[in-house]
């Protein structure tokens, strides 16, 4: 599902206009982005946890040339789904 289809679907389900739904989704994404930029995590009950983790500096080996490369540290966004969501997906979305 692409962004346009998602917004249209969400607007239909919530009985809001597509334009209002687009504004709400954009503000949600902007708020989440600013939260992650501050190294905070976000817990959504019955859905999961978004968390910023730091990957340490490491050395990798190029298998073709045999050359060692230093990979700098970086921040990554991770998601861990809740047990409720996992169970619901395993059941095929039925409850």
C-alpha atoms as a PDB file:
ATOM      1  CA  UNK A   1       0.000   0.000   0.000  1.00  0.00           C
ATOM      2  CA  UNK A   2       1.431   3.366  -0.943  1.00  0.00           C
ATOM      3  CA  UNK A   3       1.022   6.636   0.959  1.00  0.00           C
ATOM      4  CA  UNK A   4      -1.892   7.905  -1.150  1.00  0.00           C
ATOM      5  CA  UNK A   5      -3.876   4.686  -0.689  1.00  0.00           C
ATOM      6  CA  UNK A   6      -3.086   4.646   3.034  1.00  0.00           C
ATOM      7  CA  UNK A   7      -4.315   8.228   3.489  1.00  0.00           C
ATOM      8  CA  UNK A   8      -7.494   7.524   1.490  1.00  0.00           C
ATOM      9  CA  UNK A   9      -8.200   4.376   3.497  1.00  0.00           C
ATOM     10  CA  UNK A  10      -7.583   6.124   6.806  1.00  0.00           C
ATOM     11  CA  UNK A  11      -9.790   9.063   5.784  1.00  0.00           C
ATOM     12  CA  UNK A  12     -12.609   6.668   4.890  1.00  0.00           C
ATOM     13  CA  UNK A  13     -12.325   4.689   8.136  1.00  0.00           C
ATOM     14  CA  UNK A  14     -12.135   7.779  10.367  1.00  0.00           C
ATOM     15  CA  UNK A  15     -14.790   9.703   8.402  1.00  0.00           C
ATOM     16  CA  UNK A  16     -12.492  12.702   7.874  1.00  0.00           C
ATOM     17  CA  UNK A  17     -11.537  14.458   4.670  1.00  0.00           C
ATOM     18  CA  UNK A  18      -8.453  13.266   2.800  1.00  0.00           C
ATOM     19  CA  UNK A  19      -6.837  16.672   3.306  1.00  0.00           C
ATOM     20  CA  UNK A  20      -7.393  16.637   7.101  1.00  0.00           C
ATOM     21  CA  UNK A  21      -6.103  13.082   7.301  1.00  0.00           C
ATOM     22  CA  UNK A  22      -2.980  14.036   5.327  1.00  0.00           C
ATOM     23  CA  UNK A  23      -2.308  16.912   7.750  1.00  0.00           C
ATOM     24  CA  UNK A  24      -2.743  14.604  10.753  1.00  0.00           C
ATOM     25  CA  UNK A  25      -0.453  11.925   9.345  1.00  0.00           C
ATOM     26  CA  UNK A  26       2.216  14.495   8.413  1.00  0.00           C
ATOM     27  CA  UNK A  27       2.114  16.031  11.892  1.00  0.00           C
ATOM     28  CA  UNK A  28       2.369  12.559  13.466  1.00  0.00           C
ATOM     29  CA  UNK A  29       5.416  11.714  11.355  1.00  0.00           C
ATOM     30  CA  UNK A  30       7.014  15.085  12.152  1.00  0.00           C
ATOM     31  CA  UNK A  31       6.474  14.581  15.879  1.00  0.00           C
ATOM     32  CA  UNK A  32       7.895  11.054  15.749  1.00  0.00           C
ATOM     33  CA  UNK A  33      10.932  12.322  13.814  1.00  0.00           C
ATOM     34  CA  UNK A  34      11.688  15.015  16.384  1.00  0.00           C
ATOM     35  CA  UNK A  35      11.264  12.453  19.160  1.00  0.00           C
ATOM     36  CA  UNK A  36      13.774  10.080  17.530  1.00  0.00           C
ATOM     37  CA  UNK A  37      16.238  12.901  16.862  1.00  0.00           C
ATOM     38  CA  UNK A  38      16.404  13.380  20.641  1.00  0.00           C
ATOM     39  CA  UNK A  39      17.224   9.649  21.126  1.00  0.00           C
ATOM     40  CA  UNK A  40      13.860   8.927  22.741  1.00  0.00           C
ATOM     41  CA  UNK A  41      11.851   5.777  22.187  1.00  0.00           C
ATOM     42  CA  UNK A  42       8.157   5.510  21.366  1.00  0.00           C
ATOM     43  CA  UNK A  43       5.935   2.784  22.803  1.00  0.00           C
ATOM     44  CA  UNK A  44       2.583   2.209  21.113  1.00  0.00           C
ATOM     45  CA  UNK A  45       0.479  -0.138  23.270  1.00  0.00           C
ATOM     46  CA  UNK A  46      -0.631  -3.350  21.508  1.00  0.00           C
ATOM     47  CA  UNK A  47       1.582  -2.435  18.519  1.00  0.00           C
ATOM     48  CA  UNK A  48       5.241  -2.195  19.484  1.00  0.00           C
ATOM     49  CA  UNK A  49       8.266  -0.089  20.369  1.00  0.00           C
ATOM     50  CA  UNK A  50      10.321   2.197  18.138  1.00  0.00           C
ATOM     51  CA  UNK A  51      13.801   2.824  19.527  1.00  0.00           C
ATOM     52  CA  UNK A  52      16.967   4.573  18.376  1.00  0.00           C
ATOM     53  CA  UNK A  53      20.025   2.379  18.870  1.00  0.00           C
ATOM     54  CA  UNK A  54      23.679   3.183  18.344  1.00  0.00           C
ATOM     55  CA  UNK A  55      25.781   0.807  16.271  1.00  0.00           C
ATOM     56  CA  UNK A  56      29.404   0.874  17.354  1.00  0.00           C
ATOM     57  CA  UNK A  57      32.380   1.437  15.109  1.00  0.00           C
ATOM     58  CA  UNK A  58      33.516  -1.824  13.527  1.00  0.00           C
ATOM     59  CA  UNK A  59      35.950  -3.303  11.037  1.00  0.00           C
ATOM     60  CA  UNK A  60      34.640  -5.153   7.985  1.00  0.00           C
ATOM     61  CA  UNK A  61      36.530  -7.296   5.522  1.00  0.00           C
ATOM     62  CA  UNK A  62      35.880  -6.944   1.782  1.00  0.00           C
ATOM     63  CA  UNK A  63      35.679 -10.585   0.606  1.00  0.00           C
ATOM     64  CA  UNK A  64      36.793  -9.760  -2.947  1.00  0.00           C
ATOM     65  CA  UNK A  65      39.873  -7.636  -2.234  1.00  0.00           C
ATOM     66  CA  UNK A  66      40.623  -8.783   1.303  1.00  0.00           C
ATOM     67  CA  UNK A  67      40.866  -5.137   2.323  1.00  0.00           C
ATOM     68  CA  UNK A  68      39.766  -4.140   5.821  1.00  0.00           C
ATOM     69  CA  UNK A  69      37.440  -1.166   6.112  1.00  0.00           C
ATOM     70  CA  UNK A  70      36.528   0.875   9.171  1.00  0.00           C
ATOM     71  CA  UNK A  71      32.779   1.520   9.407  1.00  0.00           C
ATOM     72  CA  UNK A  72      31.986   4.571  11.572  1.00  0.00           C
ATOM     73  CA  UNK A  73      29.387   4.433  14.357  1.00  0.00           C
ATOM     74  CA  UNK A  74      25.828   5.322  13.410  1.00  0.00           C
ATOM     75  CA  UNK A  75      22.327   5.570  14.819  1.00  0.00           C
ATOM     76  CA  UNK A  76      19.606   3.228  13.573  1.00  0.00           C
ATOM     77  CA  UNK A  77      15.873   3.108  14.192  1.00  0.00           C
ATOM     78  CA  UNK A  78      14.604  -0.289  15.326  1.00  0.00           C
ATOM     79  CA  UNK A  79      11.106  -1.648  15.827  1.00  0.00           C
ATOM     80  CA  UNK A  80      10.080  -4.470  18.109  1.00  0.00           C
ATOM     81  CA  UNK A  81       6.491  -5.619  17.757  1.00  0.00           C
ATOM     82  CA  UNK A  82       4.392  -6.363  20.811  1.00  0.00           C
ATOM     83  CA  UNK A  83       3.310  -9.894  21.666  1.00  0.00           C
ATOM     84  CA  UNK A  84      -0.303  -8.883  20.981  1.00  0.00           C
ATOM     85  CA  UNK A  85       0.563  -7.831  17.428  1.00  0.00           C
ATOM     86  CA  UNK A  86       2.642 -10.972  16.828  1.00  0.00           C
ATOM     87  CA  UNK A  87      -0.202 -13.209  17.969  1.00  0.00           C
ATOM     88  CA  UNK A  88      -2.730 -11.337  15.836  1.00  0.00           C
ATOM     89  CA  UNK A  89      -0.537 -11.637  12.743  1.00  0.00           C
ATOM     90  CA  UNK A  90      -0.003 -15.362  13.332  1.00  0.00           C
ATOM     91  CA  UNK A  91      -3.778 -15.843  13.516  1.00  0.00           C
ATOM     92  CA  UNK A  92      -4.172 -14.051  10.191  1.00  0.00           C
ATOM     93  CA  UNK A  93      -5.626 -10.853  11.676  1.00  0.00           C
ATOM     94  CA  UNK A  94      -8.723 -12.600  13.034  1.00  0.00           C
ATOM     95  CA  UNK A  95      -9.952 -12.173  16.579  1.00  0.00           C
END
